[in-house]
C-alpha cells in the first residue's frame, strides 16, 4: 500500500519549505521528501549570503535611496531582455514578483522574525543606459543571519507543522519517478537511501536500503538546478557565451545535479529556456572545501583592476560588480576561461567580501561587535585574510614585476607581460589626482562613494595601485563558478506546470530553481541579484497556497 497525503513536496530547500508550510498552515497534510539527510534542510539557501531584492524599503529610505516599482520594473525588463515566445509567463512572473518585492515581501518575512542588515548593498550596477542591464539604485538587502537566517523561519514553521501531524518529513528518500493516473500527477516513488550523518554539503551515500511509494492529489517539484553537474552545464551552455569553460569550480554541492528535472520532464512537463544560466566569473578555489570542486565567489567592490588572461584590461563597463554575464561572455571570447584581479591591501581590506554563510561569521552569527570590525580592522575580514594566506588563487608581492612573474607561474604560461600590465596600471593611476576623470572605472568609484553605504564599508578611498603606502600588491586568479539555472519548467502564476501541448498538467507544480524561479525563467537572460532566494520564496508561496486550495 502506498502512503497517502494531500500534497507531496519533492525537495526540502527553501522553496520546498515555503510551499510545505503554506500547505500545512492551510490545514492540509503534506509529505516533504528529500534525498539528503535532515542536516541538509534548507538546501542551497543555507549556504547563501542571504541577499534579498526589495524595492522602496525602509532600509533604502533611511539611506536616502529613492526607489519605486516603476524604476525597479524598468531595471528588471532592461536586464531580462525577454525576447522569446516562451517568455510570456516569465514576464507575468516578473511583474508579479517586483510588485511582491515592492509590497508585502518584507512585512511577510518580518512577521516571522526575519531581520535585515541596515546597509543596503548595490549589486549588478550595469553601466550602460537607463533602459539597459543593472540596478539603478542599491537593492541588495542582506539577511541578518545570512542564509541560515532566511531558512530559520520556514524550518521552524515546518517543524511546528510536523509536531501537529500536518507535515511529515521523509529524508533520505530519493524520488525516481512521478506517477500519473488518467493524466493527473498523483504521487512519487523511489529508493530509500541508507542513513548518512555526513556533514551538510558533503557527498552522501547512495546505497539503497529500500523502496517507497507515496500518493497525493498534487506533487510540487522543488528539487533545484544543475550547478553541481558540470557535464549538464556544458551540454546546455549557450553559444552566445562562447565555448563552455574547460575548467570550472562549483558554487553548489554535488547533489545539485538536475536529476529530478529530467525525471519531471519525462512526464511531459515543458522545460523552457534551458540555455539561460547564471555563473560567476569571480570564483576562487576553496582552500578548505566542503563539497567536490568547492568554489567561493568574491563579492567585489568597484576598485580592483580587472585583466583577462592575456593581460588586457576588461573594457568598460565590465568593472567589478557591474555585469556578470557580460564579463563571462568577454572572458570566454579571449580563448581562456580565467581572468585576474590586481589590487592593493587597502582595497582588499574594504572591498572584498565572500559569498556564503560560512564565510561571514559576523553576519551569520548576528554579531554586531564582529560586524563593526569590517569598518575598523586594519586587515580584511578574517575569512578573506585566510584565503589570501592559504588560497591557491591568491598572490601577494611588494613589487609589480614579482607579482606578474608569479601570476604567469600560477597560470602555467607566459601570457602576461609586465611592461604592458604596468602601462595600464600607471595610466589608471594618473587619473586618481582629480575627482573628475575620463577613466570610466574611476568615475564608477567616485559614483559609488556618493552612496553612504558604499563609502562606509564597500569602497576604498581612491588611491594609486602602485602606491607602496597602500601595499602590498595582490593578484587573484578568477575562475568560472557554476551557480544557477535561469530556465526551468513553464508555470502559470499558481506554479502549475504546463505540458508540451501547452495545457496545464493536472496535479503538477514546480517552484524555485526547477521553475526558473517562476514561470520557467523570471530573470530572462540576466539577474539583478538578491532575486534567487526571493524567487524561491515567491514561487513556493504561490504553489503552496494554490495546491492547498486545489486539493479541497
Protein backbone atom coordinates (compact mmCIF):
# COMPACT_ATOMS: atom_id res chain seq x y z
CA UNK A 1 0.00 0.00 0.00
CA UNK A 2 1.17 3.49 -0.80
CA UNK A 3 1.20 6.13 1.91
CA UNK A 4 -1.47 8.77 1.24
CA UNK A 5 -1.42 12.52 1.82
CA UNK A 6 -2.88 15.68 0.30
CA UNK A 7 0.30 17.10 -1.29
CA UNK A 8 3.85 15.83 -1.78
CA UNK A 9 6.73 18.30 -1.99
CA UNK A 10 9.97 16.99 -3.53
CA UNK A 11 12.92 18.91 -2.14
CA UNK A 12 13.49 20.39 1.33
CA UNK A 13 15.30 23.51 0.15
CA UNK A 14 13.88 26.98 0.68
CA UNK A 15 11.16 26.84 -1.99
CA UNK A 16 10.07 23.40 -0.81
CA UNK A 17 9.94 24.50 2.82
CA UNK A 18 7.87 27.56 1.90
CA UNK A 19 5.42 25.51 -0.16
CA UNK A 20 5.10 22.82 2.50
CA UNK A 21 4.50 25.27 5.35
CA UNK A 22 1.86 27.17 3.36
CA UNK A 23 0.05 23.88 2.72
CA UNK A 24 0.24 22.85 6.37
CA UNK A 25 -0.91 26.27 7.54
CA UNK A 26 -3.96 25.88 5.29
CA UNK A 27 -4.88 22.76 7.28
CA UNK A 28 -3.82 20.23 4.63
CA UNK A 29 -1.48 17.26 5.02
CA UNK A 30 1.87 17.34 3.27
CA UNK A 31 4.84 14.99 2.96
CA UNK A 32 8.21 16.66 2.35
CA UNK A 33 10.65 14.33 0.57
CA UNK A 34 14.40 14.85 0.15
CA UNK A 35 17.23 12.52 -0.88
CA UNK A 36 19.63 14.19 1.57
CA UNK A 37 19.57 13.88 5.35
CA UNK A 38 17.87 16.10 7.89
CA UNK A 39 21.12 18.00 8.37
CA UNK A 40 20.74 19.45 4.85
CA UNK A 41 17.34 21.05 5.36
CA UNK A 42 17.19 24.42 3.65
CA UNK A 43 19.29 23.29 0.70
CA UNK A 44 21.35 25.91 -1.11
CA UNK A 45 19.69 28.80 0.71
CA UNK A 46 21.56 27.79 3.88
CA UNK A 47 24.90 28.46 2.15
CA UNK A 48 23.85 31.79 0.70
CA UNK A 49 24.77 35.33 1.69
CA UNK A 50 21.05 35.86 2.36
CA UNK A 51 20.60 38.70 -0.13
CA UNK A 52 17.04 39.79 -0.90
CA UNK A 53 15.81 42.14 -3.63
CA UNK A 54 13.46 44.69 -2.04
CA UNK A 55 12.02 47.87 -3.53
CA UNK A 56 11.41 51.15 -1.67
CA UNK A 57 12.18 49.55 1.68
CA UNK A 58 12.60 51.41 4.99
CA UNK A 59 16.29 50.47 4.85
CA UNK A 60 16.65 52.18 1.47
CA UNK A 61 14.75 55.27 2.56
CA UNK A 62 16.90 55.68 5.69
CA UNK A 63 19.97 55.76 3.43
CA UNK A 64 18.47 58.36 1.12
CA UNK A 65 17.81 55.88 -1.72
CA UNK A 66 14.79 56.79 -3.84
CA UNK A 67 13.30 53.64 -5.33
CA UNK A 68 9.93 52.70 -6.80
CA UNK A 69 8.07 49.87 -8.51
CA UNK A 70 8.38 51.71 -11.83
CA UNK A 71 12.16 52.11 -11.53
CA UNK A 72 12.61 48.51 -10.41
CA UNK A 73 10.41 47.24 -13.23
CA UNK A 74 12.41 49.31 -15.73
CA UNK A 75 15.62 47.75 -14.40
CA UNK A 76 14.15 44.23 -14.45
CA UNK A 77 12.90 44.45 -18.04
CA UNK A 78 16.15 46.05 -19.22
CA UNK A 79 18.11 43.29 -17.52
CA UNK A 80 15.91 40.33 -18.50
CA UNK A 81 15.86 41.11 -22.22
CA UNK A 82 12.74 39.00 -22.77
CA UNK A 83 12.64 38.20 -26.50
CA UNK A 84 11.06 34.76 -26.95
CA UNK A 85 7.52 33.46 -27.38
CA UNK A 86 8.01 31.33 -24.25
CA UNK A 87 8.78 34.49 -22.24
CA UNK A 88 5.04 35.16 -21.82
CA UNK A 89 4.78 33.55 -18.38
CA UNK A 90 8.26 34.64 -17.22
CA UNK A 91 7.23 38.25 -17.92
CA UNK A 92 4.00 37.78 -15.94
CA UNK A 93 6.06 36.39 -13.07
CA UNK A 94 8.49 39.31 -13.30
CA UNK A 95 5.73 41.89 -12.91
CA UNK A 96 4.15 39.94 -10.05
CA UNK A 97 7.48 39.42 -8.30
CA UNK A 98 8.59 43.05 -8.49
CA UNK A 99 5.19 44.03 -7.07
CA UNK A 100 5.77 41.50 -4.26
CA UNK A 101 9.25 42.93 -3.61
CA UNK A 102 7.80 46.46 -3.51
CA UNK A 103 4.84 45.36 -1.40
CA UNK A 104 4.27 42.68 1.20
CA UNK A 105 7.51 40.70 0.93
CA UNK A 106 9.38 42.49 3.70
CA UNK A 107 6.43 42.60 6.13
CA UNK A 108 5.56 38.95 5.45
CA UNK A 109 9.10 37.90 6.37
CA UNK A 110 9.36 40.30 9.29
CA UNK A 111 6.22 38.83 10.86
CA UNK A 112 8.11 35.51 11.02
CA UNK A 113 11.08 37.09 12.81
CA UNK A 114 13.26 37.79 9.76
CA UNK A 115 15.52 40.85 10.06
CA UNK A 116 17.71 42.82 7.65
CA UNK A 117 21.21 44.30 7.96
CA UNK A 118 20.72 48.09 7.77
CA UNK A 119 23.24 48.85 4.99
CA UNK A 120 21.80 48.01 1.58
CA UNK A 121 24.22 46.59 -1.00
CA UNK A 122 24.50 47.64 -4.63
CA UNK A 123 24.91 44.58 -6.84
CA UNK A 124 24.88 44.30 -10.65
CA UNK A 125 25.29 48.04 -11.24
CA UNK A 126 25.20 47.81 -15.01
CA UNK A 127 26.83 50.82 -16.63
CA UNK A 128 25.01 51.02 -19.93
CA UNK A 129 21.98 53.29 -20.35
CA UNK A 130 18.91 53.79 -18.15
CA UNK A 131 16.97 51.11 -20.02
CA UNK A 132 19.81 48.57 -20.00
CA UNK A 133 21.08 45.98 -17.55
CA UNK A 134 21.59 46.67 -13.87
CA UNK A 135 20.23 48.10 -10.65
CA UNK A 136 19.86 51.87 -10.84
CA UNK A 137 20.00 52.02 -7.04
CA UNK A 138 21.14 49.74 -4.19
CA UNK A 139 18.55 46.99 -3.58
CA UNK A 140 20.56 44.07 -2.14
CA UNK A 141 19.23 43.60 1.40
CA UNK A 142 21.36 41.17 3.42
CA UNK A 143 19.52 38.95 5.87
CA UNK A 144 20.73 39.40 9.43
CA UNK A 145 21.93 35.84 9.91
CA UNK A 146 22.67 35.34 6.16
CA UNK A 147 21.43 32.07 4.63
CA UNK A 148 20.56 30.34 7.91
CA UNK A 149 18.59 33.45 8.84
CA UNK A 150 16.34 33.11 5.80
CA UNK A 151 15.89 29.36 6.27
CA UNK A 152 15.13 29.51 10.02
CA UNK A 153 11.57 30.92 9.93
CA UNK A 154 10.43 28.28 7.46
CA UNK A 155 12.26 25.40 9.14
CA UNK A 156 10.63 26.48 12.42
CA UNK A 157 7.20 26.56 10.80
CA UNK A 158 7.81 23.15 9.20
CA UNK A 159 8.84 21.56 12.48
CA UNK A 160 5.80 23.04 14.21
CA UNK A 161 3.61 21.55 11.49
CA UNK A 162 5.38 18.21 11.90
CA UNK A 163 4.65 18.20 15.62
CA UNK A 164 0.97 18.82 14.87
CA UNK A 165 0.90 15.95 12.36
CA UNK A 166 0.13 18.08 9.30
CA UNK A 167 3.65 17.68 7.84
CA UNK A 168 5.75 14.53 7.57
CA UNK A 169 9.45 14.65 6.71
CA UNK A 170 10.84 11.85 4.55
CA UNK A 171 14.60 12.42 4.42
CA UNK A 172 16.91 10.04 2.54
CA UNK A 173 14.06 9.29 0.13
CA UNK A 174 15.21 9.66 -3.48
CA UNK A 175 12.42 10.14 -5.99
CA UNK A 176 12.95 8.07 -9.14
CA UNK A 177 9.57 8.58 -10.83
CA UNK A 178 6.34 10.54 -10.75
CA UNK A 179 3.11 8.54 -11.03
CA UNK A 180 0.31 9.60 -13.37
CA UNK A 181 -3.26 8.28 -13.36
CA UNK A 182 -5.69 9.34 -16.10
CA UNK A 183 -3.42 12.27 -16.94
CA UNK A 184 -3.15 13.51 -13.35
CA UNK A 185 0.15 13.51 -11.43
CA UNK A 186 -0.78 11.74 -8.20
CA UNK A 187 2.37 10.52 -6.49
CA UNK A 188 6.04 9.65 -6.43
CA UNK A 189 8.10 6.51 -5.99
CA UNK A 190 11.73 5.79 -5.49
CA UNK A 191 14.51 4.45 -3.30
CA UNK A 192 15.21 4.79 0.40
CA UNK A 193 18.89 5.56 0.92
CA UNK A 194 20.85 4.35 3.90
CA UNK A 195 21.18 6.84 6.78
CA UNK A 196 24.24 9.05 6.49
CA UNK A 197 25.24 11.70 9.02
CA UNK A 198 27.79 13.24 6.68
CA UNK A 199 28.37 16.95 7.20
CA UNK A 200 25.96 19.27 5.39
CA UNK A 201 27.11 19.84 1.83
CA UNK A 202 29.41 16.81 1.61
CA UNK A 203 28.56 13.99 -0.79
CA UNK A 204 26.31 11.44 0.92
CA UNK A 205 25.92 7.71 0.39
CA UNK A 206 23.79 6.45 -2.49
CA UNK A 207 23.40 2.92 -1.10
CA UNK A 208 19.77 1.80 -1.39
CA UNK A 209 18.13 0.04 1.57
CA UNK A 210 14.51 0.02 0.46
CA UNK A 211 11.77 1.36 -1.78
CA UNK A 212 8.84 3.72 -1.23
CA UNK A 213 5.67 4.88 -2.92
CA UNK A 214 3.59 7.90 -1.97
CA UNK A 215 0.21 9.06 -3.27
CA UNK A 216 -1.34 12.54 -3.18
CA UNK A 217 -3.67 14.87 -5.03
CA UNK A 218 -0.75 17.09 -6.08
CA UNK A 219 3.05 17.00 -6.35
CA UNK A 220 5.28 20.07 -6.09
CA UNK A 221 8.78 19.74 -7.59
CA UNK A 222 11.27 21.85 -5.63
CA UNK A 223 14.45 19.97 -6.46
CA UNK A 224 16.81 22.78 -7.55
CA UNK A 225 19.01 23.15 -10.62
CA UNK A 226 22.06 21.69 -12.35
CA UNK A 227 25.04 23.67 -10.99
CA UNK A 228 26.77 20.66 -9.45
CA UNK A 229 26.65 18.73 -12.71
CA UNK A 230 29.34 20.24 -14.92
CA UNK A 231 28.58 17.86 -17.78
CA UNK A 232 24.98 19.10 -17.90
CA UNK A 233 26.11 22.73 -17.58
CA UNK A 234 28.35 22.29 -20.62
CA UNK A 235 25.61 20.44 -22.51
CA UNK A 236 23.24 23.41 -22.06
CA UNK A 237 25.92 26.10 -22.48
CA UNK A 238 24.69 28.78 -24.93
CA UNK A 239 26.76 29.70 -27.98
CA UNK A 240 26.21 33.40 -27.19
CA UNK A 241 28.59 32.96 -24.22
CA UNK A 242 31.27 31.29 -26.31
CA UNK A 243 32.62 27.81 -25.78
CA UNK A 244 31.99 26.27 -22.35
CA UNK A 245 34.90 26.55 -19.90
CA UNK A 246 37.33 23.67 -19.74
CA UNK A 247 37.83 24.31 -16.03
CA UNK A 248 35.04 25.25 -13.66
CA UNK A 249 34.50 25.15 -9.92
CA UNK A 250 31.21 24.53 -8.16
CA UNK A 251 29.20 27.01 -6.14
CA UNK A 252 26.77 24.25 -5.08
CA UNK A 253 27.16 20.71 -3.70
CA UNK A 254 27.46 17.67 -5.94
CA UNK A 255 23.85 16.54 -5.44
CA UNK A 256 22.57 19.66 -7.26
CA UNK A 257 22.72 17.62 -10.45
CA UNK A 258 19.46 18.22 -12.34
CA UNK A 259 18.36 14.61 -11.91
CA UNK A 260 14.82 15.49 -10.78
CA UNK A 261 14.45 17.93 -13.66
CA UNK A 262 14.99 15.04 -16.07
CA UNK A 263 12.53 12.82 -14.20
CA UNK A 264 9.86 15.54 -14.28
CA UNK A 265 10.45 16.29 -17.95
CA UNK A 266 9.72 12.63 -18.74
CA UNK A 267 6.15 13.15 -17.52
CA UNK A 268 5.64 15.62 -20.38
CA UNK A 269 6.43 18.79 -18.41
CA UNK A 270 7.60 21.64 -20.63
CA UNK A 271 11.14 22.79 -19.86
CA UNK A 272 11.97 26.18 -21.38
CA UNK A 273 14.97 28.50 -21.52
CA UNK A 274 17.38 25.74 -20.55
CA UNK A 275 20.21 27.70 -22.21
CA UNK A 276 19.80 30.59 -19.77
CA UNK A 277 22.11 30.25 -16.81
CA UNK A 278 23.92 32.31 -14.20
CA UNK A 279 27.55 31.53 -13.46
CA UNK A 280 30.00 33.83 -11.71
CA UNK A 281 33.39 34.91 -13.04
CA UNK A 282 34.99 35.82 -9.70
CA UNK A 283 35.27 32.25 -8.40
CA UNK A 284 38.17 31.15 -6.20
CA UNK A 285 39.01 27.60 -5.19
CA UNK A 286 38.12 26.95 -1.57
CA UNK A 287 41.25 26.19 0.44
CA UNK A 288 39.01 24.38 2.97
CA UNK A 289 36.43 22.66 0.73
CA UNK A 290 33.18 21.06 1.84
CA UNK A 291 31.92 19.60 -1.45
CA UNK A 292 33.79 18.48 -4.59
CA UNK A 293 35.35 21.32 -6.63
CA UNK A 294 34.06 23.73 -3.97
CA UNK A 295 34.40 27.34 -5.06
CA UNK A 296 33.58 30.65 -3.39
CA UNK A 297 32.58 33.84 -5.14
CA UNK A 298 34.30 37.12 -4.35
CA UNK A 299 31.75 39.91 -3.88
CA UNK A 300 34.00 42.73 -5.06
CA UNK A 301 33.78 46.45 -4.57
CA UNK A 302 34.45 48.67 -7.61
CA UNK A 303 38.21 49.36 -7.37
CA UNK A 304 40.15 46.22 -8.33
CA UNK A 305 41.69 46.38 -11.79
CA UNK A 306 40.45 43.50 -13.94
CA UNK A 307 42.65 41.88 -16.59
CA UNK A 308 41.96 39.00 -18.93
CA UNK A 309 44.33 36.05 -19.23
CA UNK A 310 46.47 37.92 -21.77
CA UNK A 311 46.90 40.98 -19.54
CA UNK A 312 44.40 43.26 -21.26
CA UNK A 313 42.15 45.30 -19.01
CA UNK A 314 38.48 44.39 -19.34
CA UNK A 315 36.60 47.08 -21.31
CA UNK A 316 34.03 49.46 -19.86
CA UNK A 317 31.59 48.89 -18.28
CA UNK A 318 32.81 45.43 -17.28
CA UNK A 319 34.05 46.55 -13.88
CA UNK A 320 33.77 44.52 -10.68
CA UNK A 321 30.13 44.26 -9.64
CA UNK A 322 28.68 45.55 -12.91
CA UNK A 323 27.56 42.86 -15.36
CA UNK A 324 28.22 39.21 -14.52
CA UNK A 325 27.19 37.68 -17.85
CA UNK A 326 28.78 40.49 -19.85
CA UNK A 327 32.03 39.67 -18.09
CA UNK A 328 31.54 35.95 -18.69
CA UNK A 329 30.95 36.50 -22.42
CA UNK A 330 34.03 38.69 -22.73
CA UNK A 331 36.29 36.33 -20.78
CA UNK A 332 35.24 33.31 -22.85
CA UNK A 333 35.82 35.32 -26.06
CA UNK A 334 39.53 35.54 -25.19
CA UNK A 335 40.00 31.81 -25.62
CA UNK A 336 40.76 31.35 -21.91
CA UNK A 337 38.47 30.52 -19.01
CA UNK A 338 40.06 32.65 -16.30
CA UNK A 339 40.95 36.27 -15.57
CA UNK A 340 42.80 38.33 -12.93
CA UNK A 341 42.17 40.98 -10.32
CA UNK A 342 45.11 43.21 -9.38
CA UNK A 343 44.57 45.28 -6.25
CA UNK A 344 46.11 46.56 -3.03
CA UNK A 345 45.81 45.72 0.64
CA UNK A 346 43.75 48.90 1.09
CA UNK A 347 41.26 47.62 -1.49
CA UNK A 348 41.00 44.07 -0.20
CA UNK A 349 40.53 45.36 3.34
CA UNK A 350 37.43 47.35 2.48
CA UNK A 351 36.05 45.88 -0.71
CA UNK A 352 36.37 42.11 -0.60
CA UNK A 353 33.51 40.06 0.79
CA UNK A 354 32.98 36.36 0.18
CA UNK A 355 29.64 34.87 -0.74
CA UNK A 356 28.38 32.20 1.61
CA UNK A 357 27.07 31.97 5.13
CA UNK A 358 30.15 30.09 6.34
CA UNK A 359 32.42 32.87 5.02
CA UNK A 360 30.66 35.59 7.02
CA UNK A 361 30.67 34.50 10.67
CA UNK A 362 29.87 38.03 11.86
CA UNK A 363 26.66 38.40 9.87
CA UNK A 364 25.72 34.72 10.13
CA UNK A 365 26.27 34.75 13.88
CA UNK A 366 24.38 38.05 14.20
CA UNK A 367 27.31 39.67 15.99
CA UNK A 368 27.26 43.46 15.82
CA UNK A 369 30.61 43.57 17.54
CA UNK A 370 32.27 41.44 14.85
CA UNK A 371 30.42 43.19 12.03
CA UNK A 372 31.58 46.66 13.10
CA UNK A 373 35.17 45.42 12.78
CA UNK A 374 34.66 45.28 8.99
CA UNK A 375 34.95 49.05 9.02
CA UNK A 376 37.57 49.41 11.77
CA UNK A 377 40.00 46.49 11.30
CA UNK A 378 43.44 47.12 9.87
CA UNK A 379 43.17 43.95 7.81
CA UNK A 380 40.45 42.40 5.70
CA UNK A 381 37.78 40.23 7.36
CA UNK A 382 39.33 37.05 8.77
CA UNK A 383 37.87 34.70 6.10
CA UNK A 384 39.29 36.95 3.35
CA UNK A 385 42.69 37.06 5.04
CA UNK A 386 42.56 33.25 5.31
CA UNK A 387 42.06 32.99 1.55
CA UNK A 388 44.86 35.49 0.99
CA UNK A 389 47.17 33.31 3.08
CA UNK A 390 46.03 29.82 2.03
CA UNK A 391 44.09 30.15 -1.23
CA UNK A 392 45.87 28.80 -4.31
CA UNK A 393 44.45 31.64 -6.43
CA UNK A 394 45.98 34.46 -4.34
CA UNK A 395 49.41 36.01 -4.90
CA UNK A 396 50.91 38.71 -2.65
CA UNK A 397 54.05 40.64 -3.58
CA UNK A 398 55.59 44.07 -2.91
CA UNK A 399 56.73 44.74 -6.49
CA UNK A 400 54.76 44.53 -9.72
CA UNK A 401 57.39 42.61 -11.68
CA UNK A 402 57.49 39.95 -8.97
CA UNK A 403 53.67 39.84 -8.92
CA UNK A 404 53.37 39.36 -12.69
CA UNK A 405 56.07 36.67 -12.70
CA UNK A 406 54.16 34.77 -10.01
CA UNK A 407 50.90 35.18 -11.95
CA UNK A 408 52.49 33.59 -15.02
CA UNK A 409 53.84 30.77 -12.90
CA UNK A 410 50.43 30.09 -11.38
CA UNK A 411 48.75 30.09 -14.81
CA UNK A 412 51.46 27.86 -16.24
CA UNK A 413 52.23 30.16 -19.17
CA UNK A 414 53.94 33.44 -20.05
CA UNK A 415 50.94 35.36 -21.39
CA UNK A 416 51.40 38.35 -19.09
CA UNK A 417 53.99 40.99 -19.97
CA UNK A 418 54.96 43.18 -17.02
CA UNK A 419 55.56 46.28 -19.15
CA UNK A 420 52.05 46.08 -20.66
CA UNK A 421 50.40 45.49 -17.28
CA UNK A 422 52.41 48.33 -15.74
CA UNK A 423 51.47 50.72 -18.56
CA UNK A 424 47.74 50.12 -17.96
CA UNK A 425 48.02 50.47 -14.18
CA UNK A 426 50.09 53.65 -14.39
CA UNK A 427 47.62 55.17 -16.86
CA UNK A 428 44.79 54.46 -14.44
CA UNK A 429 46.84 55.78 -11.52
CA UNK A 430 47.35 59.16 -13.25
CA UNK A 431 43.55 59.63 -13.18
CA UNK A 432 43.44 59.50 -9.38
CA UNK A 433 44.81 63.02 -8.82
CA UNK A 434 41.47 64.64 -9.68
CA UNK A 435 37.86 63.99 -8.71
CA UNK A 436 36.87 64.41 -12.38
CA UNK A 437 38.30 61.88 -14.81
CA UNK A 438 37.79 60.13 -18.14
CA UNK A 439 38.58 56.61 -16.89
CA UNK A 440 35.12 55.04 -16.65
CA UNK A 441 36.08 52.72 -13.78
CA UNK A 442 37.43 55.61 -11.71
CA UNK A 443 34.20 57.51 -12.48
CA UNK A 444 32.38 54.44 -11.16
CA UNK A 445 34.42 54.56 -7.94
CA UNK A 446 33.54 58.22 -7.38
CA UNK A 447 29.87 57.44 -8.07
CA UNK A 448 29.94 54.58 -5.58
CA UNK A 449 31.38 56.78 -2.85
CA UNK A 450 28.48 59.21 -3.22
CA UNK A 451 26.35 56.46 -1.68
CA UNK A 452 26.87 56.44 2.09
CA UNK A 453 26.66 52.63 2.34
CA UNK A 454 29.49 52.12 -0.14
CA UNK A 455 31.59 54.92 1.31
CA UNK A 456 31.35 53.43 4.81
CA UNK A 457 32.02 49.75 4.19
CA UNK A 458 32.36 48.81 0.49
CA UNK A 459 34.53 51.26 -1.45
CA UNK A 460 38.12 52.17 -0.65
CA UNK A 461 39.32 55.75 -0.88
CA UNK A 462 40.67 56.33 -4.40
CA UNK A 463 44.43 55.76 -4.48
CA UNK A 464 47.16 54.70 -6.86
CA UNK A 465 47.50 50.93 -7.24
CA UNK A 466 51.29 51.30 -7.30
CA UNK A 467 51.46 53.50 -4.18
CA UNK A 468 53.58 51.47 -1.69
CA UNK A 469 51.66 53.05 1.19
CA UNK A 470 48.61 51.02 0.15
CA UNK A 471 50.51 47.76 -0.47
CA UNK A 472 51.33 45.03 -0.73
CA UNK A 473 50.08 44.27 -4.23
CA UNK A 474 47.67 41.37 -4.58
CA UNK A 475 46.67 39.33 -7.63
CA UNK A 476 43.74 36.92 -7.65
CA UNK A 477 43.18 34.32 -10.37
CA UNK A 478 39.46 34.23 -11.05
CA UNK A 479 37.72 31.06 -12.22
CA UNK A 480 34.25 30.36 -13.63
CA UNK A 481 31.99 29.32 -10.77
CA UNK A 482 28.80 27.38 -11.57
CA UNK A 483 25.71 28.53 -9.73
CA UNK A 484 22.15 28.94 -11.03
CA UNK A 485 19.82 27.62 -13.70
CA UNK A 486 17.73 30.53 -15.00
CA UNK A 487 15.42 28.42 -17.17
CA UNK A 488 13.03 25.79 -15.88
CA UNK A 489 9.55 24.35 -16.08
CA UNK A 490 7.00 26.70 -17.57
CA UNK A 491 4.40 27.56 -14.93
CA UNK A 492 1.44 29.88 -14.51
CA UNK A 493 1.22 32.26 -11.55
CA UNK A 494 -0.07 29.41 -9.36
CA UNK A 495 3.12 27.47 -10.20
CA UNK A 496 1.13 24.86 -12.14
CA UNK A 497 3.31 23.19 -14.79
CA UNK A 498 2.45 23.28 -18.48
CA UNK A 499 2.82 20.25 -20.69
CA UNK A 500 4.38 20.11 -24.12
CA UNK A 501 0.98 20.71 -25.74
CA UNK A 502 0.51 23.98 -23.88
CA UNK A 503 -2.07 22.91 -21.30
CA UNK A 504 -1.56 22.60 -17.56
CA UNK A 505 -0.63 19.12 -16.30
CA UNK A 506 -3.18 18.42 -13.52
CA UNK A 507 -1.60 17.85 -10.13
CA UNK A 508 1.91 19.03 -11.04
CA UNK A 509 3.59 22.18 -9.69
CA UNK A 510 7.19 23.42 -9.87
CA UNK A 511 8.94 26.04 -7.75
CA UNK A 512 12.32 27.62 -7.11
CA UNK A 513 15.20 26.92 -9.44
CA UNK A 514 13.38 23.97 -11.06
CA UNK A 515 10.87 26.53 -12.38
CA UNK A 516 13.45 29.15 -13.33
CA UNK A 517 12.41 30.85 -10.07
CA UNK A 518 8.96 31.32 -11.59
CA UNK A 519 7.34 30.78 -14.95
CA UNK A 520 10.32 28.97 -16.46
CA UNK A 521 12.66 31.94 -16.32
CA UNK A 522 11.54 35.03 -14.40
CA UNK A 523 15.02 36.57 -14.79
CA UNK A 524 15.23 36.28 -18.56
CA UNK A 525 18.89 36.34 -19.58
CA UNK A 526 20.30 38.11 -16.50
CA UNK A 527 19.68 38.61 -12.82
CA UNK A 528 19.59 41.76 -10.71
CA UNK A 529 20.86 39.70 -7.74
CA UNK A 530 19.07 39.14 -4.45
CA UNK A 531 16.39 37.59 -6.62
CA UNK A 532 17.15 33.87 -6.32
CA UNK A 533 16.09 33.48 -2.70
CA UNK A 534 13.19 35.81 -3.42
CA UNK A 535 12.12 33.68 -6.37
CA UNK A 536 12.13 30.62 -4.11
CA UNK A 537 10.02 32.45 -1.54
CA UNK A 538 7.50 33.80 -4.04
CA UNK A 539 7.08 30.68 -6.18
CA UNK A 540 6.96 28.40 -3.13
CA UNK A 541 4.32 30.58 -1.51
CA UNK A 542 2.21 30.72 -4.66
CA UNK A 543 2.41 26.97 -5.19
CA UNK A 544 1.66 26.11 -1.57
CA UNK A 545 -1.39 28.32 -1.43
CA UNK A 546 -2.69 27.20 -4.83
CA UNK A 547 -2.18 23.50 -4.13
CA UNK A 548 -3.88 23.78 -0.74
CA UNK A 549 -6.97 25.24 -2.44
CA UNK A 550 -6.88 22.75 -5.29
CA UNK A 551 -6.90 19.65 -3.07
CA UNK A 552 -10.15 20.78 -1.44
